[in-house]
């Protein structure tokens, strides 16, 4: 799986953020177990997934702040 850039993440629908974050967390969980048992073949994958999760959560937060600003101006 390739790294997903923030621009691609911004194209996701709001409901997709939670789904994608859950998928990443699940894969990280599995990789942590593989690492603990010495079966992890690609340790760089853990770092890549952590960064991708951070990107997803950052974009999600950016959009939440933008929506709150719009709601504040409208009201």
PDB file of N, CA and C in Angstrom:
ATOM      1  N   UNK A   1       0.838  -1.174   0.000  1.00  0.00           N
ATOM      2  CA  UNK A   1       0.000   0.000   0.000  1.00  0.00           C
ATOM      3  C   UNK A   1       0.885   1.239   0.000  1.00  0.00           C
ATOM      4  N   UNK A   2       0.621   2.176  -0.912  1.00  0.00           N
ATOM      5  CA  UNK A   2       1.418   3.384  -1.018  1.00  0.00           C
ATOM      6  C   UNK A   2       0.952   4.421  -0.011  1.00  0.00           C
ATOM      7  N   UNK A   3       1.828   5.389   0.234  1.00  0.00           N
ATOM      8  CA  UNK A   3       1.499   6.497   1.113  1.00  0.00           C
ATOM      9  C   UNK A   3       0.467   7.385   0.439  1.00  0.00           C
ATOM     10  N   UNK A   4      -0.501   7.805   1.200  1.00  0.00           N
ATOM     11  CA  UNK A   4      -1.550   8.676   0.683  1.00  0.00           C
ATOM     12  C   UNK A   4      -1.216  10.107   1.092  1.00  0.00           C
ATOM     13  N   UNK A   5      -1.187  10.996   0.131  1.00  0.00           N
ATOM     14  CA  UNK A   5      -0.870  12.397   0.397  1.00  0.00           C
ATOM     15  C   UNK A   5      -2.094  13.123   0.944  1.00  0.00           C
ATOM     16  N   UNK A   6      -1.853  14.232   1.597  1.00  0.00           N
ATOM     17  CA  UNK A   6      -2.937  14.995   2.223  1.00  0.00           C
ATOM     18  C   UNK A   6      -3.953  15.477   1.192  1.00  0.00           C
ATOM     19  N   UNK A   7      -3.503  15.790  -0.014  1.00  0.00           N
ATOM     20  CA  UNK A   7      -4.418  16.237  -1.057  1.00  0.00           C
ATOM     21  C   UNK A   7      -5.456  15.185  -1.394  1.00  0.00           C
ATOM     22  N   UNK A   8      -5.040  13.932  -1.460  1.00  0.00           N
ATOM     23  CA  UNK A   8      -5.970  12.834  -1.726  1.00  0.00           C
ATOM     24  C   UNK A   8      -6.915  12.630  -0.545  1.00  0.00           C
ATOM     25  N   UNK A   9      -6.395  12.816   0.645  1.00  0.00           N
ATOM     26  CA  UNK A   9      -7.227  12.641   1.841  1.00  0.00           C
ATOM     27  C   UNK A   9      -8.308  13.715   1.888  1.00  0.00           C
ATOM     28  N   UNK A  10      -7.960  14.924   1.453  1.00  0.00           N
ATOM     29  CA  UNK A  10      -8.939  16.020   1.457  1.00  0.00           C
ATOM     30  C   UNK A  10     -10.104  15.745   0.519  1.00  0.00           C
ATOM     31  N   UNK A  11      -9.890  14.893  -0.476  1.00  0.00           N
ATOM     32  CA  UNK A  11     -10.947  14.547  -1.423  1.00  0.00           C
ATOM     33  C   UNK A  11     -11.965  13.569  -0.836  1.00  0.00           C
ATOM     34  N   UNK A  12     -11.626  12.931   0.286  1.00  0.00           N
ATOM     35  CA  UNK A  12     -12.536  11.971   0.905  1.00  0.00           C
ATOM     36  C   UNK A  12     -13.761  12.682   1.477  1.00  0.00           C
ATOM     37  N   UNK A  13     -14.849  11.961   1.517  1.00  0.00           N
ATOM     38  CA  UNK A  13     -16.057  12.483   2.157  1.00  0.00           C
ATOM     39  C   UNK A  13     -15.856  12.459   3.673  1.00  0.00           C
ATOM     40  N   UNK A  14     -16.609  13.264   4.377  1.00  0.00           N
ATOM     41  CA  UNK A  14     -16.468  13.375   5.832  1.00  0.00           C
ATOM     42  C   UNK A  14     -16.665  12.022   6.530  1.00  0.00           C
ATOM     43  N   UNK A  15     -17.556  11.211   6.001  1.00  0.00           N
ATOM     44  CA  UNK A  15     -17.807   9.907   6.630  1.00  0.00           C
ATOM     45  C   UNK A  15     -16.664   8.933   6.398  1.00  0.00           C
ATOM     46  N   UNK A  16     -15.861   9.187   5.388  1.00  0.00           N
ATOM     47  CA  UNK A  16     -14.757   8.280   5.066  1.00  0.00           C
ATOM     48  C   UNK A  16     -13.572   8.438   6.023  1.00  0.00           C
ATOM     49  N   UNK A  17     -13.472   9.579   6.699  1.00  0.00           N
ATOM     50  CA  UNK A  17     -12.336   9.798   7.594  1.00  0.00           C
ATOM     51  C   UNK A  17     -12.298   8.766   8.713  1.00  0.00           C
ATOM     52  N   UNK A  18     -13.429   8.580   9.373  1.00  0.00           N
ATOM     53  CA  UNK A  18     -13.474   7.617  10.468  1.00  0.00           C
ATOM     54  C   UNK A  18     -13.197   6.209   9.979  1.00  0.00           C
ATOM     55  N   UNK A  19     -13.735   5.875   8.822  1.00  0.00           N
ATOM     56  CA  UNK A  19     -13.526   4.547   8.258  1.00  0.00           C
ATOM     57  C   UNK A  19     -12.043   4.323   7.966  1.00  0.00           C
ATOM     58  N   UNK A  20     -11.395   5.298   7.322  1.00  0.00           N
ATOM     59  CA  UNK A  20      -9.982   5.165   6.966  1.00  0.00           C
ATOM     60  C   UNK A  20      -9.116   5.137   8.220  1.00  0.00           C
ATOM     61  N   UNK A  21      -9.424   5.983   9.199  1.00  0.00           N
ATOM     62  CA  UNK A  21      -8.653   5.993  10.445  1.00  0.00           C
ATOM     63  C   UNK A  21      -8.779   4.651  11.162  1.00  0.00           C
ATOM     64  N   UNK A  22      -9.969   4.067  11.145  1.00  0.00           N
ATOM     65  CA  UNK A  22     -10.165   2.754  11.761  1.00  0.00           C
ATOM     66  C   UNK A  22      -9.368   1.664  11.062  1.00  0.00           C
ATOM     67  N   UNK A  23      -9.331   1.718   9.737  1.00  0.00           N
ATOM     68  CA  UNK A  23      -8.558   0.736   8.979  1.00  0.00           C
ATOM     69  C   UNK A  23      -7.069   0.837   9.310  1.00  0.00           C
ATOM     70  N   UNK A  24      -6.582   2.058   9.395  1.00  0.00           N
ATOM     71  CA  UNK A  24      -5.166   2.270   9.699  1.00  0.00           C
ATOM     72  C   UNK A  24      -4.852   1.786  11.115  1.00  0.00           C
ATOM     73  N   UNK A  25      -5.727   2.129  12.065  1.00  0.00           N
ATOM     74  CA  UNK A  25      -5.499   1.695  13.456  1.00  0.00           C
ATOM     75  C   UNK A  25      -5.488   0.168  13.568  1.00  0.00           C
ATOM     76  N   UNK A  26      -6.380  -0.473  12.836  1.00  0.00           N
ATOM     77  CA  UNK A  26      -6.437  -1.936  12.868  1.00  0.00           C
ATOM     78  C   UNK A  26      -5.156  -2.542  12.306  1.00  0.00           C
ATOM     79  N   UNK A  27      -4.676  -1.988  11.201  1.00  0.00           N
ATOM     80  CA  UNK A  27      -3.440  -2.515  10.617  1.00  0.00           C
ATOM     81  C   UNK A  27      -2.246  -2.259  11.532  1.00  0.00           C
ATOM     82  N   UNK A  28      -2.205  -1.088  12.171  1.00  0.00           N
ATOM     83  CA  UNK A  28      -1.131  -0.801  13.125  1.00  0.00           C
ATOM     84  C   UNK A  28      -1.155  -1.776  14.299  1.00  0.00           C
ATOM     85  N   UNK A  29      -2.344  -2.101  14.761  1.00  0.00           N
ATOM     86  CA  UNK A  29      -2.489  -3.059  15.853  1.00  0.00           C
ATOM     87  C   UNK A  29      -1.872  -4.409  15.470  1.00  0.00           C
ATOM     88  N   UNK A  30      -2.189  -4.859  14.267  1.00  0.00           N
ATOM     89  CA  UNK A  30      -1.656  -6.137  13.792  1.00  0.00           C
ATOM     90  C   UNK A  30      -0.135  -6.086  13.639  1.00  0.00           C
ATOM     91  N   UNK A  31       0.360  -4.961  13.143  1.00  0.00           N
ATOM     92  CA  UNK A  31       1.803  -4.828  12.963  1.00  0.00           C
ATOM     93  C   UNK A  31       2.534  -4.789  14.302  1.00  0.00           C
ATOM     94  N   UNK A  32       1.905  -4.193  15.316  1.00  0.00           N
ATOM     95  CA  UNK A  32       2.536  -4.171  16.642  1.00  0.00           C
ATOM     96  C   UNK A  32       2.691  -5.581  17.197  1.00  0.00           C
ATOM     97  N   UNK A  33       1.701  -6.415  16.978  1.00  0.00           N
ATOM     98  CA  UNK A  33       1.805  -7.801  17.428  1.00  0.00           C
ATOM     99  C   UNK A  33       2.896  -8.539  16.672  1.00  0.00           C
ATOM    100  N   UNK A  34       2.967  -8.315  15.365  1.00  0.00           N
ATOM    101  CA  UNK A  34       4.019  -8.948  14.578  1.00  0.00           C
ATOM    102  C   UNK A  34       5.391  -8.485  15.055  1.00  0.00           C
ATOM    103  N   UNK A  35       5.499  -7.207  15.385  1.00  0.00           N
ATOM    104  CA  UNK A  35       6.769  -6.670  15.863  1.00  0.00           C
ATOM    105  C   UNK A  35       7.150  -7.305  17.208  1.00  0.00           C
ATOM    106  N   UNK A  36       6.180  -7.449  18.090  1.00  0.00           N
ATOM    107  CA  UNK A  36       6.439  -8.009  19.412  1.00  0.00           C
ATOM    108  C   UNK A  36       6.861  -9.472  19.335  1.00  0.00           C
ATOM    109  N   UNK A  37       6.341 -10.198  18.349  1.00  0.00           N
ATOM    110  CA  UNK A  37       6.678 -11.618  18.229  1.00  0.00           C
ATOM    111  C   UNK A  37       7.852 -11.861  17.291  1.00  0.00           C
ATOM    112  N   UNK A  38       8.414 -10.781  16.741  1.00  0.00           N
ATOM    113  CA  UNK A  38       9.569 -10.921  15.863  1.00  0.00           C
ATOM    114  C   UNK A  38       9.221 -11.365  14.455  1.00  0.00           C
ATOM    115  N   UNK A  39       7.979 -11.230  14.043  1.00  0.00           N
ATOM    116  CA  UNK A  39       7.558 -11.674  12.718  1.00  0.00           C
ATOM    117  C   UNK A  39       7.380 -10.523  11.737  1.00  0.00           C
ATOM    118  N   UNK A  40       7.672  -9.306  12.159  1.00  0.00           N
ATOM    119  CA  UNK A  40       7.460  -8.138  11.312  1.00  0.00           C
ATOM    120  C   UNK A  40       8.524  -8.097  10.220  1.00  0.00           C
ATOM    121  N   UNK A  41       8.081  -8.114   8.974  1.00  0.00           N
ATOM    122  CA  UNK A  41       9.005  -8.131   7.846  1.00  0.00           C
ATOM    123  C   UNK A  41       9.419  -6.728   7.420  1.00  0.00           C
ATOM    124  N   UNK A  42       8.518  -5.738   7.551  1.00  0.00           N
ATOM    125  CA  UNK A  42       8.807  -4.394   7.093  1.00  0.00           C
ATOM    126  C   UNK A  42       8.506  -3.388   8.211  1.00  0.00           C
ATOM    127  N   UNK A  43       9.485  -3.088   9.065  1.00  0.00           N
ATOM    128  CA  UNK A  43       9.238  -2.189  10.181  1.00  0.00           C
ATOM    129  C   UNK A  43       8.939  -0.756   9.750  1.00  0.00           C
ATOM    130  N   UNK A  44       9.340  -0.382   8.555  1.00  0.00           N
ATOM    131  CA  UNK A  44       9.071   0.965   8.058  1.00  0.00           C
ATOM    132  C   UNK A  44       7.573   1.165   7.850  1.00  0.00           C
ATOM    133  N   UNK A  45       6.860   0.090   7.620  1.00  0.00           N
ATOM    134  CA  UNK A  45       5.410   0.170   7.391  1.00  0.00           C
ATOM    135  C   UNK A  45       4.694   0.767   8.607  1.00  0.00           C
ATOM    136  N   UNK A  46       5.201   0.468   9.808  1.00  0.00           N
ATOM    137  CA  UNK A  46       4.581   1.024  11.019  1.00  0.00           C
ATOM    138  C   UNK A  46       4.693   2.545  11.020  1.00  0.00           C
ATOM    139  N   UNK A  47       5.861   3.058  10.690  1.00  0.00           N
ATOM    140  CA  UNK A  47       6.061   4.502  10.656  1.00  0.00           C
ATOM    141  C   UNK A  47       5.188   5.140   9.582  1.00  0.00           C
ATOM    142  N   UNK A  48       5.124   4.497   8.426  1.00  0.00           N
ATOM    143  CA  UNK A  48       4.314   5.011   7.329  1.00  0.00           C
ATOM    144  C   UNK A  48       2.844   5.104   7.733  1.00  0.00           C
ATOM    145  N   UNK A  49       2.344   4.071   8.394  1.00  0.00           N
ATOM    146  CA  UNK A  49       0.943   4.075   8.818  1.00  0.00           C
ATOM    147  C   UNK A  49       0.671   5.105   9.900  1.00  0.00           C
ATOM    148  N   UNK A  50       1.603   5.280  10.822  1.00  0.00           N
ATOM    149  CA  UNK A  50       1.425   6.301  11.857  1.00  0.00           C
ATOM    150  C   UNK A  50       1.324   7.686  11.231  1.00  0.00           C
ATOM    151  N   UNK A  51       2.148   7.924  10.241  1.00  0.00           N
ATOM    152  CA  UNK A  51       2.128   9.228   9.572  1.00  0.00           C
ATOM    153  C   UNK A  51       0.846   9.404   8.764  1.00  0.00           C
ATOM    154  N   UNK A  52       0.402   8.337   8.120  1.00  0.00           N
ATOM    155  CA  UNK A  52      -0.836   8.429   7.353  1.00  0.00           C
ATOM    156  C   UNK A  52      -2.029   8.679   8.280  1.00  0.00           C
ATOM    157  N   UNK A  53      -2.035   8.022   9.430  1.00  0.00           N
ATOM    158  CA  UNK A  53      -3.097   8.259  10.413  1.00  0.00           C
ATOM    159  C   UNK A  53      -3.078   9.720  10.862  1.00  0.00           C
ATOM    160  N   UNK A  54      -1.892  10.261  11.092  1.00  0.00           N
ATOM    161  CA  UNK A  54      -1.784  11.661  11.485  1.00  0.00           C
ATOM    162  C   UNK A  54      -2.329  12.575  10.388  1.00  0.00           C
ATOM    163  N   UNK A  55      -2.053  12.238   9.136  1.00  0.00           N
ATOM    164  CA  UNK A  55      -2.576  13.041   8.024  1.00  0.00           C
ATOM    165  C   UNK A  55      -4.103  13.018   8.003  1.00  0.00           C
ATOM    166  N   UNK A  56      -4.669  11.832   8.157  1.00  0.00           N
ATOM    167  CA  UNK A  56      -6.130  11.704   8.141  1.00  0.00           C
ATOM    168  C   UNK A  56      -6.747  12.516   9.274  1.00  0.00           C
ATOM    169  N   UNK A  57      -6.200  12.384  10.466  1.00  0.00           N
ATOM    170  CA  UNK A  57      -6.751  13.096  11.616  1.00  0.00           C
ATOM    171  C   UNK A  57      -6.562  14.604  11.488  1.00  0.00           C
ATOM    172  N   UNK A  58      -5.445  15.028  10.895  1.00  0.00           N
ATOM    173  CA  UNK A  58      -5.196  16.453  10.702  1.00  0.00           C
ATOM    174  C   UNK A  58      -6.197  17.052   9.724  1.00  0.00           C
ATOM    175  N   UNK A  59      -6.407  16.390   8.598  1.00  0.00           N
ATOM    176  CA  UNK A  59      -7.353  16.890   7.599  1.00  0.00           C
ATOM    177  C   UNK A  59      -8.765  16.899   8.179  1.00  0.00           C
ATOM    178  N   UNK A  60      -9.101  15.886   8.949  1.00  0.00           N
ATOM    179  CA  UNK A  60     -10.413  15.824   9.580  1.00  0.00           C
ATOM    180  C   UNK A  60     -10.594  17.021  10.527  1.00  0.00           C
ATOM    181  N   UNK A  61      -9.562  17.324  11.292  1.00  0.00           N
ATOM    182  CA  UNK A  61      -9.631  18.450  12.223  1.00  0.00           C
ATOM    183  C   UNK A  61      -9.705  19.774  11.466  1.00  0.00           C
ATOM    184  N   UNK A  62      -8.943  19.904  10.387  1.00  0.00           N
ATOM    185  CA  UNK A  62      -8.989  21.122   9.575  1.00  0.00           C
ATOM    186  C   UNK A  62     -10.405  21.378   9.063  1.00  0.00           C
ATOM    187  N   UNK A  63     -11.039  20.325   8.585  1.00  0.00           N
ATOM    188  CA  UNK A  63     -12.380  20.478   8.046  1.00  0.00           C
ATOM    189  C   UNK A  63     -13.402  20.786   9.146  1.00  0.00           C
ATOM    190  N   UNK A  64     -13.193  20.235  10.333  1.00  0.00           N
ATOM    191  CA  UNK A  64     -14.092  20.522  11.455  1.00  0.00           C
ATOM    192  C   UNK A  64     -13.969  21.992  11.870  1.00  0.00           C
ATOM    193  N   UNK A  65     -12.744  22.500  11.895  1.00  0.00           N
ATOM    194  CA  UNK A  65     -12.529  23.898  12.254  1.00  0.00           C
ATOM    195  C   UNK A  65     -13.136  24.819  11.194  1.00  0.00           C
ATOM    196  N   UNK A  66     -12.962  24.469   9.930  1.00  0.00           N
ATOM    197  CA  UNK A  66     -13.523  25.275   8.844  1.00  0.00           C
ATOM    198  C   UNK A  66     -15.050  25.300   8.929  1.00  0.00           C
ATOM    199  N   UNK A  67     -15.643  24.158   9.227  1.00  0.00           N
ATOM    200  CA  UNK A  67     -17.102  24.083   9.346  1.00  0.00           C
ATOM    201  C   UNK A  67     -17.589  24.909  10.539  1.00  0.00           C
ATOM    202  N   UNK A  68     -16.840  24.891  11.623  1.00  0.00           N
ATOM    203  CA  UNK A  68     -17.224  25.665  12.807  1.00  0.00           C
ATOM    204  C   UNK A  68     -17.137  27.160  12.524  1.00  0.00           C
ATOM    205  N   UNK A  69     -16.139  27.561  11.749  1.00  0.00           N
ATOM    206  CA  UNK A  69     -16.020  28.978  11.395  1.00  0.00           C
ATOM    207  C   UNK A  69     -17.180  29.419  10.534  1.00  0.00           C
ATOM    208  N   UNK A  70     -17.551  28.567   9.582  1.00  0.00           N
ATOM    209  CA  UNK A  70     -18.694  28.889   8.716  1.00  0.00           C
ATOM    210  C   UNK A  70     -19.994  28.970   9.528  1.00  0.00           C
ATOM    211  N   UNK A  71     -20.147  28.072  10.460  1.00  0.00           N
ATOM    212  CA  UNK A  71     -21.347  28.079  11.304  1.00  0.00           C
ATOM    213  C   UNK A  71     -21.378  29.322  12.186  1.00  0.00           C
ATOM    214  N   UNK A  72     -20.205  29.752  12.639  1.00  0.00           N
ATOM    215  CA  UNK A  72     -20.129  30.944  13.474  1.00  0.00           C
ATOM    216  C   UNK A  72     -20.448  32.206  12.720  1.00  0.00           C
ATOM    217  N   UNK A  73     -20.041  32.280  11.474  1.00  0.00           N
ATOM    218  CA  UNK A  73     -20.322  33.461  10.650  1.00  0.00           C
ATOM    219  C   UNK A  73     -21.780  33.499  10.221  1.00  0.00           C
ATOM    220  N   UNK A  74     -22.346  32.327  10.002  1.00  0.00           N
ATOM    221  CA  UNK A  74     -23.746  32.263   9.547  1.00  0.00           C
ATOM    222  C   UNK A  74     -24.721  32.599  10.675  1.00  0.00           C
ATOM    223  N   UNK A  75     -24.302  32.301  11.909  1.00  0.00           N
ATOM    224  CA  UNK A  75     -25.230  32.462  13.023  1.00  0.00           C
ATOM    225  C   UNK A  75     -25.095  33.699  13.732  1.00  0.00           C
TER     226      UNK A  75
END
